[in-house]
Amino acid sequence: MKRHNPIAAVVLLALLSVLPCRLFAQQDPLYSQYMFNIQPFNPAYAGSWQSPGITLLSRQQWMGFENNPETQTLTFQIPFSSKVGGGLSLMNDDMGRLNRKALFADYSYGIKVNSQTMLRLGISAGVSNFRNRLNDIVIIDPDDPSLLPEESNLWLPNAGVGCFIHSSRFYAGLSAPKLLLNESGTHKNSFSINNLYLIGGFVLPISPGIEMKPSASVRYTNDEPLVADINLSFLIADVFWIGGLFRTSDEIKFGLNTSVIIANTLRLGYAYDFMHYAGLNSYSGATHELMLSIEFHTREKVKFVSPRYF
C-alpha cells in the first residue's frame, strides 16, 4: 500500500474545508502574465520545474494617475527531489499612500497520477508588513474599516494552501493563498479565505513550428466582482510567445503579451494592458508589466522540458 506525505493530506483537507467559508475582501495584485507567475498565489507550483529558478516581475498600473499602483514580485523555487519542492515568494505592493510587503515560504509535495501527470499539493506560511502614509492627509471618516487606524506599521502572519496538476502540455490549479483574516485594528486573526484562485491552460499544435495555448484565471473575493482573465497565446519556433488577454471586471480591459526564450534557460516577457473606466470620467489608461525568468540547469541526468509552457 502506497504511503504519501502527511502534509499532502493536511493541504487537501484544508482546501476542502475552506471552500464553503465566507470570503473576505482583501485584494491581492492581479498579473497579466499569470501563466508564468503562478507561485505567488499557489504554493503548489513551487518545485514544479526540473531545476532551481527565479522569476522577477514588475507591474506599473494605471499610468497617468498620480501615485498609481506598482507591484514587484520575486519568486525562487527548487525541486529537492522528483516529489518534494520548495521556494520563497517576495512581494512589494504600492497603492498610493498604502504599502504592503510580504515574504512567504512555499512547500509542495507531488503525487504521480500517471507517467505524464503530476498532482502537487502545497502549503505556504509567512508574514506581511502593512504601512500607511496617512499623516499628511485629512481623514474624513476615521472609522472607515478600509484604513489602518492610528497604526502606520503592522506585521501580520498568514498562510495558504493550493493544489496544482500538470503534465508537459496542460495545467490546472486551485488555491487559497490567504487563510487568515487579519484585523489590523485589533491584531486578531480569524480563519477564513481572502481570495480563491482557479487557473488552467493547455497547449495544442496547430501547424509545424506554431503551437496555441489557451489559458484562464478566475479569482473570487467576497463582496467583489468575479474577475476572469482569458488569454490566448501562440508559441512560434519554440522561441517567441505572442498573445492577447481579456479581463472581466468593473473596467473594460484588453491586453497584449509577448515573451522570448533564450538558450532554454532565460525568458523575457512584456505585457501591455489597456483599460477604460466609465466611472472615472471615461478615463483610459495603460498598464505595463515586465518579467524575467531564469532556470539554473544544475542537475545532471535530468531531461529538461524545453520549451516550458508554464
C-alpha atoms as a PDB file:
ATOM      1  CA  MET A   1       0.000   0.000   0.000  1.00  0.00           C
ATOM      2  CA  LYS A   2       1.378   3.405  -1.005  1.00  0.00           C
ATOM      3  CA  ARG A   3       2.119   5.914   1.724  1.00  0.00           C
ATOM      4  CA  HIS A   4       2.072   9.611   0.930  1.00  0.00           C
ATOM      5  CA  ASN A   5       3.491  12.573   2.769  1.00  0.00           C
ATOM      6  CA  PRO A   6       1.126  13.511   5.646  1.00  0.00           C
ATOM      7  CA  ILE A   7       1.474  17.191   4.703  1.00  0.00           C
ATOM      8  CA  ALA A   8      -0.295  16.380   1.427  1.00  0.00           C
ATOM      9  CA  ALA A   9      -3.323  15.147   3.348  1.00  0.00           C
ATOM     10  CA  VAL A  10      -3.340  18.262   5.503  1.00  0.00           C
ATOM     11  CA  VAL A  11      -3.267  20.518   2.437  1.00  0.00           C
ATOM     12  CA  LEU A  12      -6.073  18.611   0.738  1.00  0.00           C
ATOM     13  CA  LEU A  13      -8.261  18.773   3.860  1.00  0.00           C
ATOM     14  CA  ALA A  14      -7.585  22.487   4.204  1.00  0.00           C
ATOM     15  CA  LEU A  15      -8.620  23.142   0.611  1.00  0.00           C
ATOM     16  CA  LEU A  16     -11.851  21.210   1.010  1.00  0.00           C
ATOM     17  CA  SER A  17     -12.712  22.827   4.333  1.00  0.00           C
ATOM     18  CA  VAL A  18     -12.260  26.424   3.208  1.00  0.00           C
ATOM     19  CA  LEU A  19     -14.426  26.242   0.116  1.00  0.00           C
ATOM     20  CA  PRO A  20     -17.728  26.890   1.909  1.00  0.00           C
ATOM     21  CA  CYS A  21     -16.276  29.594   4.154  1.00  0.00           C
ATOM     22  CA  ARG A  22     -17.153  33.219   3.770  1.00  0.00           C
ATOM     23  CA  LEU A  23     -14.594  35.087   1.661  1.00  0.00           C
ATOM     24  CA  PHE A  24     -13.278  38.391   2.919  1.00  0.00           C
ATOM     25  CA  ALA A  25     -12.239  41.175   0.566  1.00  0.00           C
ATOM     26  CA  GLN A  26      -8.520  41.751   0.815  1.00  0.00           C
ATOM     27  CA  GLN A  27      -7.301  42.266  -2.709  1.00  0.00           C
ATOM     28  CA  ASP A  28      -4.082  40.720  -3.955  1.00  0.00           C
ATOM     29  CA  PRO A  29      -2.427  42.105  -7.093  1.00  0.00           C
ATOM     30  CA  LEU A  30      -3.529  40.835 -10.484  1.00  0.00           C
ATOM     31  CA  TYR A  31      -0.953  39.783 -13.074  1.00  0.00           C
ATOM     32  CA  SER A  32      -1.310  39.705 -16.848  1.00  0.00           C
ATOM     33  CA  GLN A  33       1.456  37.099 -17.209  1.00  0.00           C
ATOM     34  CA  TYR A  34      -0.065  34.877 -14.510  1.00  0.00           C
ATOM     35  CA  MET A  35       0.587  31.726 -16.568  1.00  0.00           C
ATOM     36  CA  PHE A  36       4.342  32.203 -15.970  1.00  0.00           C
ATOM     37  CA  ASN A  37       3.980  33.654 -12.456  1.00  0.00           C
ATOM     38  CA  ILE A  38       1.829  31.107 -10.579  1.00  0.00           C
ATOM     39  CA  GLN A  39       3.807  30.694  -7.361  1.00  0.00           C
ATOM     40  CA  PRO A  40       2.777  33.999  -5.649  1.00  0.00           C
ATOM     41  CA  PHE A  41      -0.825  32.777  -5.432  1.00  0.00           C
ATOM     42  CA  ASN A  42      -0.385  28.982  -5.474  1.00  0.00           C
ATOM     43  CA  PRO A  43       2.368  27.395  -3.315  1.00  0.00           C
ATOM     44  CA  ALA A  44       1.876  24.006  -5.009  1.00  0.00           C
ATOM     45  CA  TYR A  45       3.674  25.408  -8.073  1.00  0.00           C
ATOM     46  CA  ALA A  46       6.963  25.579  -6.138  1.00  0.00           C
ATOM     47  CA  GLY A  47       9.285  22.799  -7.286  1.00  0.00           C
ATOM     48  CA  SER A  48       7.341  22.037 -10.475  1.00  0.00           C
ATOM     49  CA  TRP A  49      10.368  22.965 -12.606  1.00  0.00           C
ATOM     50  CA  GLN A  50      13.096  20.362 -13.093  1.00  0.00           C
ATOM     51  CA  SER A  51      15.738  22.793 -11.814  1.00  0.00           C
ATOM     52  CA  PRO A  52      16.100  25.768  -9.453  1.00  0.00           C
ATOM     53  CA  GLY A  53      14.892  29.048 -10.864  1.00  0.00           C
ATOM     54  CA  ILE A  54      13.767  32.582 -10.169  1.00  0.00           C
ATOM     55  CA  THR A  55      11.056  34.816 -11.614  1.00  0.00           C
ATOM     56  CA  LEU A  56      11.084  38.591 -11.260  1.00  0.00           C
ATOM     57  CA  LEU A  57       8.036  40.638 -12.258  1.00  0.00           C
ATOM     58  CA  SER A  58       7.398  44.392 -12.155  1.00  0.00           C
ATOM     59  CA  ARG A  59       3.978  45.901 -12.856  1.00  0.00           C
ATOM     60  CA  GLN A  60       3.036  49.575 -13.215  1.00  0.00           C
ATOM     61  CA  GLN A  61      -0.720  50.085 -13.298  1.00  0.00           C
ATOM     62  CA  TRP A  62      -2.942  52.980 -14.417  1.00  0.00           C
ATOM     63  CA  MET A  63      -0.167  55.069 -15.948  1.00  0.00           C
ATOM     64  CA  GLY A  64      -1.146  58.736 -15.877  1.00  0.00           C
ATOM     65  CA  PHE A  65      -2.549  58.688 -12.340  1.00  0.00           C
ATOM     66  CA  GLU A  66      -0.524  60.247  -9.552  1.00  0.00           C
ATOM     67  CA  ASN A  67       0.594  57.598  -7.029  1.00  0.00           C
ATOM     68  CA  ASN A  68      -0.521  54.853  -9.408  1.00  0.00           C
ATOM     69  CA  PRO A  69      -0.277  51.260  -8.100  1.00  0.00           C
ATOM     70  CA  GLU A  70       3.035  49.474  -8.552  1.00  0.00           C
ATOM     71  CA  THR A  71       3.834  45.842  -7.770  1.00  0.00           C
ATOM     72  CA  GLN A  72       7.069  43.851  -7.768  1.00  0.00           C
ATOM     73  CA  THR A  73       7.361  40.128  -7.063  1.00  0.00           C
ATOM     74  CA  LEU A  74      10.363  37.839  -6.786  1.00  0.00           C
ATOM     75  CA  THR A  75       9.963  34.075  -6.503  1.00  0.00           C
ATOM     76  CA  PHE A  76      12.534  31.335  -6.078  1.00  0.00           C
ATOM     77  CA  GLN A  77      11.800  27.636  -6.391  1.00  0.00           C
ATOM     78  CA  ILE A  78      13.823  24.456  -6.166  1.00  0.00           C
ATOM     79  CA  PRO A  79      12.968  20.750  -6.622  1.00  0.00           C
ATOM     80  CA  PHE A  80      14.556  18.854  -3.737  1.00  0.00           C
ATOM     81  CA  SER A  81      13.521  15.589  -5.395  1.00  0.00           C
ATOM     82  CA  SER A  82      11.060  14.374  -8.020  1.00  0.00           C
ATOM     83  CA  LYS A  83       8.272  14.792  -5.443  1.00  0.00           C
ATOM     84  CA  VAL A  84       9.329  17.469  -2.968  1.00  0.00           C
ATOM     85  CA  GLY A  85       9.764  21.133  -3.840  1.00  0.00           C
ATOM     86  CA  GLY A  86      10.180  24.404  -2.016  1.00  0.00           C
ATOM     87  CA  GLY A  87      10.545  28.085  -2.598  1.00  0.00           C
ATOM     88  CA  LEU A  88      10.251  31.675  -1.446  1.00  0.00           C
ATOM     89  CA  SER A  89       7.839  34.378  -2.591  1.00  0.00           C
ATOM     90  CA  LEU A  90       8.505  38.079  -2.011  1.00  0.00           C
ATOM     91  CA  MET A  91       6.187  40.943  -2.906  1.00  0.00           C
ATOM     92  CA  ASN A  92       6.186  44.725  -2.710  1.00  0.00           C
ATOM     93  CA  ASP A  93       2.842  46.393  -3.467  1.00  0.00           C
ATOM     94  CA  ASP A  94       2.457  50.190  -3.501  1.00  0.00           C
ATOM     95  CA  MET A  95      -1.066  51.623  -3.657  1.00  0.00           C
ATOM     96  CA  GLY A  96      -0.654  55.353  -3.317  1.00  0.00           C
ATOM     97  CA  ARG A  97      -0.151  56.008   0.384  1.00  0.00           C
ATOM     98  CA  LEU A  98      -0.517  52.359   1.335  1.00  0.00           C
ATOM     99  CA  ASN A  99       2.318  49.862   1.039  1.00  0.00           C
ATOM    100  CA  ARG A 100       2.392  46.118   1.604  1.00  0.00           C
ATOM    101  CA  LYS A 101       5.446  43.878   1.685  1.00  0.00           C
ATOM    102  CA  ALA A 102       5.237  40.103   2.044  1.00  0.00           C
ATOM    103  CA  LEU A 103       7.615  37.189   2.464  1.00  0.00           C
ATOM    104  CA  PHE A 104       6.305  33.610   2.265  1.00  0.00           C
ATOM    105  CA  ALA A 105       7.994  30.201   2.320  1.00  0.00           C
ATOM    106  CA  ASP A 106       6.426  27.609  -0.003  1.00  0.00           C
ATOM    107  CA  TYR A 107       6.426  23.802   0.199  1.00  0.00           C
ATOM    108  CA  SER A 108       4.928  21.284  -2.222  1.00  0.00           C
ATOM    109  CA  TYR A 109       4.614  17.524  -2.411  1.00  0.00           C
ATOM    110  CA  GLY A 110       3.942  15.690  -5.686  1.00  0.00           C
ATOM    111  CA  ILE A 111       1.826  12.597  -6.246  1.00  0.00           C
ATOM    112  CA  LYS A 112       2.299  10.865  -9.574  1.00  0.00           C
ATOM    113  CA  VAL A 113      -1.077  10.375 -11.296  1.00  0.00           C
ATOM    114  CA  ASN A 114       0.371   8.544 -14.305  1.00  0.00           C
ATOM    115  CA  SER A 115       3.584   8.527 -16.340  1.00  0.00           C
ATOM    116  CA  GLN A 116       2.845  12.009 -17.724  1.00  0.00           C
ATOM    117  CA  THR A 117       0.858  13.751 -14.996  1.00  0.00           C
ATOM    118  CA  MET A 118       1.775  15.019 -11.527  1.00  0.00           C
ATOM    119  CA  LEU A 119      -0.546  16.328  -8.804  1.00  0.00           C
ATOM    120  CA  ARG A 120       1.202  18.700  -6.398  1.00  0.00           C
ATOM    121  CA  LEU A 121      -0.194  19.842  -3.050  1.00  0.00           C
ATOM    122  CA  GLY A 122       1.313  22.918  -1.480  1.00  0.00           C
ATOM    123  CA  ILE A 123       1.330  24.988   1.670  1.00  0.00           C
ATOM    124  CA  SER A 124       2.824  28.386   2.422  1.00  0.00           C
ATOM    125  CA  ALA A 125       3.424  30.474   5.533  1.00  0.00           C
ATOM    126  CA  GLY A 126       4.827  33.923   6.016  1.00  0.00           C
ATOM    127  CA  VAL A 127       4.329  37.483   7.124  1.00  0.00           C
ATOM    128  CA  SER A 128       3.073  40.709   5.563  1.00  0.00           C
ATOM    129  CA  ASN A 129       4.002  44.249   6.513  1.00  0.00           C
ATOM    130  CA  PHE A 130       1.324  46.922   6.077  1.00  0.00           C
ATOM    131  CA  ARG A 131       2.413  50.553   6.212  1.00  0.00           C
ATOM    132  CA  ASN A 132       0.391  53.695   5.598  1.00  0.00           C
ATOM    133  CA  ARG A 133       1.445  57.248   4.924  1.00  0.00           C
ATOM    134  CA  LEU A 134      -1.714  59.000   6.076  1.00  0.00           C
ATOM    135  CA  ASN A 135      -0.202  61.540   8.475  1.00  0.00           C
ATOM    136  CA  ASP A 136      -0.245  64.356   5.961  1.00  0.00           C
ATOM    137  CA  ILE A 137      -3.838  63.938   4.745  1.00  0.00           C
ATOM    138  CA  VAL A 138      -7.229  64.633   6.285  1.00  0.00           C
ATOM    139  CA  ILE A 139      -9.279  61.507   7.027  1.00  0.00           C
ATOM    140  CA  ILE A 140     -12.983  62.315   6.652  1.00  0.00           C
ATOM    141  CA  ASP A 141     -14.223  59.111   8.272  1.00  0.00           C
ATOM    142  CA  PRO A 142     -11.745  57.787  10.879  1.00  0.00           C
ATOM    143  CA  ASP A 143     -13.992  54.722  11.390  1.00  0.00           C
ATOM    144  CA  ASP A 144     -13.576  53.612   7.785  1.00  0.00           C
ATOM    145  CA  PRO A 145     -12.546  49.903   8.080  1.00  0.00           C
ATOM    146  CA  SER A 146     -10.511  50.116   4.859  1.00  0.00           C
ATOM    147  CA  LEU A 147      -7.983  52.399   6.601  1.00  0.00           C
ATOM    148  CA  LEU A 148      -5.386  51.279   9.114  1.00  0.00           C
ATOM    149  CA  PRO A 149      -6.415  53.187  12.262  1.00  0.00           C
ATOM    150  CA  GLU A 150      -3.627  55.077  14.060  1.00  0.00           C
ATOM    151  CA  GLU A 151      -1.104  52.373  13.203  1.00  0.00           C
ATOM    152  CA  SER A 152       1.385  53.052  10.435  1.00  0.00           C
ATOM    153  CA  ASN A 153       3.446  49.853  10.528  1.00  0.00           C
ATOM    154  CA  LEU A 154       1.918  46.395  11.079  1.00  0.00           C
ATOM    155  CA  TRP A 155       3.428  42.906  10.790  1.00  0.00           C
ATOM    156  CA  LEU A 156       0.758  40.226  10.313  1.00  0.00           C
ATOM    157  CA  PRO A 157       1.186  36.462   9.742  1.00  0.00           C
ATOM    158  CA  ASN A 158      -0.702  34.398   7.206  1.00  0.00           C
ATOM    159  CA  ALA A 159      -0.727  31.019   5.461  1.00  0.00           C
ATOM    160  CA  GLY A 160      -2.069  29.496   2.273  1.00  0.00           C
ATOM    161  CA  VAL A 161      -2.746  26.185   0.533  1.00  0.00           C
ATOM    162  CA  GLY A 162      -3.043  25.056  -3.061  1.00  0.00           C
ATOM    163  CA  CYS A 163      -3.120  22.141  -5.470  1.00  0.00           C
ATOM    164  CA  PHE A 164      -1.600  22.034  -8.951  1.00  0.00           C
ATOM    165  CA  ILE A 165      -1.962  19.253 -11.523  1.00  0.00           C
ATOM    166  CA  HIS A 166       0.122  19.296 -14.676  1.00  0.00           C
ATOM    167  CA  SER A 167       1.784  17.424 -17.474  1.00  0.00           C
ATOM    168  CA  SER A 168       4.174  18.870 -20.031  1.00  0.00           C
ATOM    169  CA  ARG A 169       1.211  20.232 -22.045  1.00  0.00           C
ATOM    170  CA  PHE A 170      -1.580  21.156 -19.622  1.00  0.00           C
ATOM    171  CA  TYR A 171      -2.053  22.529 -16.124  1.00  0.00           C
ATOM    172  CA  ALA A 172      -4.805  23.386 -13.647  1.00  0.00           C
ATOM    173  CA  GLY A 173      -4.712  24.727 -10.116  1.00  0.00           C
ATOM    174  CA  LEU A 174      -6.897  25.730  -7.176  1.00  0.00           C
ATOM    175  CA  SER A 175      -5.547  27.790  -4.301  1.00  0.00           C
ATOM    176  CA  ALA A 176      -6.416  29.862  -1.259  1.00  0.00           C
ATOM    177  CA  PRO A 177      -3.272  31.962  -0.692  1.00  0.00           C
ATOM    178  CA  LYS A 178      -4.563  33.741   2.435  1.00  0.00           C
ATOM    179  CA  LEU A 179      -6.266  31.628   5.111  1.00  0.00           C
ATOM    180  CA  LEU A 180      -6.197  34.194   7.920  1.00  0.00           C
ATOM    181  CA  LEU A 181      -8.320  37.322   8.056  1.00  0.00           C
ATOM    182  CA  ASN A 182      -6.046  39.853   9.748  1.00  0.00           C
ATOM    183  CA  GLU A 183      -7.909  42.561  11.645  1.00  0.00           C
ATOM    184  CA  SER A 184      -5.451  45.436  11.718  1.00  0.00           C
ATOM    185  CA  GLY A 185      -7.185  47.419  14.441  1.00  0.00           C
ATOM    186  CA  THR A 186      -7.394  44.590  16.968  1.00  0.00           C
ATOM    187  CA  HIS A 187      -4.455  42.402  15.827  1.00  0.00           C
ATOM    188  CA  LYS A 188      -6.823  39.421  15.819  1.00  0.00           C
ATOM    189  CA  ASN A 189      -6.520  36.589  13.342  1.00  0.00           C
ATOM    190  CA  SER A 190      -9.507  34.516  12.265  1.00  0.00           C
ATOM    191  CA  PHE A 191      -9.577  31.517   9.937  1.00  0.00           C
ATOM    192  CA  SER A 192     -11.053  32.417   6.552  1.00  0.00           C
ATOM    193  CA  ILE A 193     -10.114  32.989   2.920  1.00  0.00           C
ATOM    194  CA  ASN A 194      -9.229  36.336   1.416  1.00  0.00           C
ATOM    195  CA  ASN A 195      -9.065  35.145  -2.201  1.00  0.00           C
ATOM    196  CA  LEU A 196      -9.736  31.928  -4.086  1.00  0.00           C
ATOM    197  CA  TYR A 197      -7.945  31.277  -7.395  1.00  0.00           C
ATOM    198  CA  LEU A 198      -8.729  28.807 -10.173  1.00  0.00           C
ATOM    199  CA  ILE A 199      -6.333  28.580 -13.128  1.00  0.00           C
ATOM    200  CA  GLY A 200      -5.856  26.314 -16.122  1.00  0.00           C
ATOM    201  CA  GLY A 201      -4.440  26.017 -19.612  1.00  0.00           C
ATOM    202  CA  PHE A 202      -3.280  23.613 -22.310  1.00  0.00           C
ATOM    203  CA  VAL A 203      -1.172  23.549 -25.479  1.00  0.00           C
ATOM    204  CA  LEU A 204      -2.257  22.438 -28.959  1.00  0.00           C
ATOM    205  CA  PRO A 205      -0.063  22.165 -32.079  1.00  0.00           C
ATOM    206  CA  ILE A 206      -1.775  23.927 -34.979  1.00  0.00           C
ATOM    207  CA  SER A 207       0.965  23.783 -37.638  1.00  0.00           C
ATOM    208  CA  PRO A 208       4.682  22.979 -37.909  1.00  0.00           C
ATOM    209  CA  GLY A 209       6.522  25.425 -35.687  1.00  0.00           C
ATOM    210  CA  ILE A 210       3.379  27.018 -34.196  1.00  0.00           C
ATOM    211  CA  GLU A 211       1.539  25.976 -31.041  1.00  0.00           C
ATOM    212  CA  MET A 212      -1.518  27.533 -29.429  1.00  0.00           C
ATOM    213  CA  LYS A 213      -2.059  27.885 -25.674  1.00  0.00           C
ATOM    214  CA  PRO A 214      -5.466  28.965 -24.327  1.00  0.00           C
ATOM    215  CA  SER A 215      -5.386  29.714 -20.587  1.00  0.00           C
ATOM    216  CA  ALA A 216      -7.662  31.234 -17.979  1.00  0.00           C
ATOM    217  CA  SER A 217      -7.547  32.517 -14.416  1.00  0.00           C
ATOM    218  CA  VAL A 218     -10.576  33.131 -12.187  1.00  0.00           C
ATOM    219  CA  ARG A 219     -10.401  34.945  -8.838  1.00  0.00           C
ATOM    220  CA  TYR A 220     -13.268  35.120  -6.364  1.00  0.00           C
ATOM    221  CA  THR A 221     -13.223  37.586  -3.477  1.00  0.00           C
ATOM    222  CA  ASN A 222     -16.111  38.238  -1.118  1.00  0.00           C
ATOM    223  CA  ASP A 223     -18.099  41.415  -1.867  1.00  0.00           C
ATOM    224  CA  GLU A 224     -16.113  41.949  -5.066  1.00  0.00           C
ATOM    225  CA  PRO A 225     -16.962  41.158  -8.709  1.00  0.00           C
ATOM    226  CA  LEU A 226     -15.704  37.854 -10.058  1.00  0.00           C
ATOM    227  CA  VAL A 227     -12.548  38.529 -12.085  1.00  0.00           C
ATOM    228  CA  ALA A 228     -11.715  36.240 -15.005  1.00  0.00           C
ATOM    229  CA  ASP A 229      -8.664  36.529 -17.256  1.00  0.00           C
ATOM    230  CA  ILE A 230      -8.879  34.788 -20.625  1.00  0.00           C
ATOM    231  CA  ASN A 231      -5.649  34.524 -22.589  1.00  0.00           C
ATOM    232  CA  LEU A 232      -4.808  33.100 -25.991  1.00  0.00           C
ATOM    233  CA  SER A 233      -1.107  32.786 -26.813  1.00  0.00           C
ATOM    234  CA  PHE A 234       0.912  31.347 -29.664  1.00  0.00           C
ATOM    235  CA  LEU A 235       4.417  29.872 -29.485  1.00  0.00           C
ATOM    236  CA  ILE A 236       6.444  30.322 -32.680  1.00  0.00           C
ATOM    237  CA  ALA A 237       9.518  28.189 -33.398  1.00  0.00           C
ATOM    238  CA  ASP A 238       9.805  27.257 -29.695  1.00  0.00           C
ATOM    239  CA  VAL A 239      11.215  30.740 -29.052  1.00  0.00           C
ATOM    240  CA  PHE A 240       8.649  33.547 -29.339  1.00  0.00           C
ATOM    241  CA  TRP A 241       5.382  33.859 -27.423  1.00  0.00           C
ATOM    242  CA  ILE A 242       2.711  36.341 -28.503  1.00  0.00           C
ATOM    243  CA  GLY A 243      -0.856  36.566 -27.260  1.00  0.00           C
ATOM    244  CA  GLY A 244      -3.854  38.587 -26.165  1.00  0.00           C
ATOM    245  CA  LEU A 245      -5.767  38.983 -22.893  1.00  0.00           C
ATOM    246  CA  PHE A 246      -9.333  39.881 -21.968  1.00  0.00           C
ATOM    247  CA  ARG A 247     -10.262  40.596 -18.340  1.00  0.00           C
ATOM    248  CA  THR A 248     -13.793  40.765 -16.940  1.00  0.00           C
ATOM    249  CA  SER A 249     -14.185  43.251 -14.110  1.00  0.00           C
ATOM    250  CA  ASP A 250     -15.541  46.738 -13.450  1.00  0.00           C
ATOM    251  CA  GLU A 251     -13.393  48.114 -16.239  1.00  0.00           C
ATOM    252  CA  ILE A 252     -13.183  47.054 -19.854  1.00  0.00           C
ATOM    253  CA  LYS A 253      -9.700  45.661 -20.225  1.00  0.00           C
ATOM    254  CA  PHE A 254      -7.692  44.182 -23.039  1.00  0.00           C
ATOM    255  CA  GLY A 255      -4.038  43.296 -23.177  1.00  0.00           C
ATOM    256  CA  LEU A 256      -1.183  42.043 -25.289  1.00  0.00           C
ATOM    257  CA  ASN A 257       1.711  39.934 -24.067  1.00  0.00           C
ATOM    258  CA  THR A 258       4.887  38.662 -25.602  1.00  0.00           C
ATOM    259  CA  SER A 259       7.998  36.856 -24.438  1.00  0.00           C
ATOM    260  CA  VAL A 260      11.158  35.340 -25.834  1.00  0.00           C
ATOM    261  CA  ILE A 261      13.023  32.212 -24.675  1.00  0.00           C
ATOM    262  CA  ILE A 262      16.824  32.424 -24.812  1.00  0.00           C
ATOM    263  CA  ALA A 263      19.001  29.281 -24.643  1.00  0.00           C
ATOM    264  CA  ASN A 264      16.193  27.339 -22.898  1.00  0.00           C
ATOM    265  CA  THR A 265      17.063  28.992 -19.580  1.00  0.00           C
ATOM    266  CA  LEU A 266      16.110  32.661 -19.839  1.00  0.00           C
ATOM    267  CA  ARG A 267      12.649  34.104 -20.506  1.00  0.00           C
ATOM    268  CA  LEU A 268      11.987  37.804 -21.053  1.00  0.00           C
ATOM    269  CA  GLY A 269       8.351  38.882 -21.055  1.00  0.00           C
ATOM    270  CA  TYR A 270       6.315  42.055 -21.536  1.00  0.00           C
ATOM    271  CA  ALA A 271       2.587  42.714 -21.207  1.00  0.00           C
ATOM    272  CA  TYR A 272       0.590  45.828 -22.079  1.00  0.00           C
ATOM    273  CA  ASP A 273      -2.935  46.282 -20.754  1.00  0.00           C
ATOM    274  CA  PHE A 274      -5.394  48.880 -21.960  1.00  0.00           C
ATOM    275  CA  MET A 275      -8.373  49.725 -19.771  1.00  0.00           C
ATOM    276  CA  HIS A 276     -11.368  52.017 -19.842  1.00  0.00           C
ATOM    277  CA  TYR A 277     -13.152  53.203 -16.676  1.00  0.00           C
ATOM    278  CA  ALA A 278     -16.559  54.655 -17.430  1.00  0.00           C
ATOM    279  CA  GLY A 279     -16.918  55.742 -13.793  1.00  0.00           C
ATOM    280  CA  LEU A 280     -13.748  57.865 -13.826  1.00  0.00           C
ATOM    281  CA  ASN A 281     -14.823  60.428 -16.420  1.00  0.00           C
ATOM    282  CA  SER A 282     -14.211  57.859 -19.122  1.00  0.00           C
ATOM    283  CA  TYR A 283     -10.576  57.530 -18.057  1.00  0.00           C
ATOM    284  CA  SER A 284      -8.452  55.391 -20.312  1.00  0.00           C
ATOM    285  CA  GLY A 285      -5.037  54.244 -19.174  1.00  0.00           C
ATOM    286  CA  ALA A 286      -2.365  51.655 -19.621  1.00  0.00           C
ATOM    287  CA  THR A 287      -0.532  49.112 -17.521  1.00  0.00           C
ATOM    288  CA  HIS A 288       2.985  47.857 -18.240  1.00  0.00           C
ATOM    289  CA  GLU A 289       4.334  44.567 -16.901  1.00  0.00           C
ATOM    290  CA  LEU A 290       7.884  43.232 -17.282  1.00  0.00           C
ATOM    291  CA  MET A 291       9.012  39.699 -16.431  1.00  0.00           C
ATOM    292  CA  LEU A 292      12.399  37.988 -16.178  1.00  0.00           C
ATOM    293  CA  SER A 293      12.633  34.240 -15.547  1.00  0.00           C
ATOM    294  CA  ILE A 294      15.858  32.243 -15.197  1.00  0.00           C
ATOM    295  CA  GLU A 295      16.307  28.486 -14.799  1.00  0.00           C
ATOM    296  CA  PHE A 296      19.568  27.077 -13.475  1.00  0.00           C
ATOM    297  CA  HIS A 297      20.076  23.672 -15.108  1.00  0.00           C
ATOM    298  CA  THR A 298      22.418  22.263 -12.484  1.00  0.00           C
ATOM    299  CA  ARG A 299      21.104  18.714 -12.139  1.00  0.00           C
ATOM    300  CA  GLU A 300      22.700  16.031 -14.284  1.00  0.00           C
ATOM    301  CA  LYS A 301      20.835  13.153 -15.903  1.00  0.00           C
ATOM    302  CA  VAL A 302      17.586  15.136 -15.886  1.00  0.00           C
ATOM    303  CA  LYS A 303      15.624  15.642 -19.088  1.00  0.00           C
ATOM    304  CA  PHE A 304      14.538  19.276 -19.006  1.00  0.00           C
ATOM    305  CA  VAL A 305      11.272  20.323 -20.619  1.00  0.00           C
ATOM    306  CA  SER A 306      12.015  22.747 -23.435  1.00  0.00           C
ATOM    307  CA  PRO A 307      10.174  24.858 -24.136  1.00  0.00           C
ATOM    308  CA  ARG A 308       8.335  25.016 -20.822  1.00  0.00           C
ATOM    309  CA  TYR A 309       4.762  26.162 -21.467  1.00  0.00           C
ATOM    310  CA  PHE A 310       4.009  27.452 -17.956  1.00  0.00           C
END
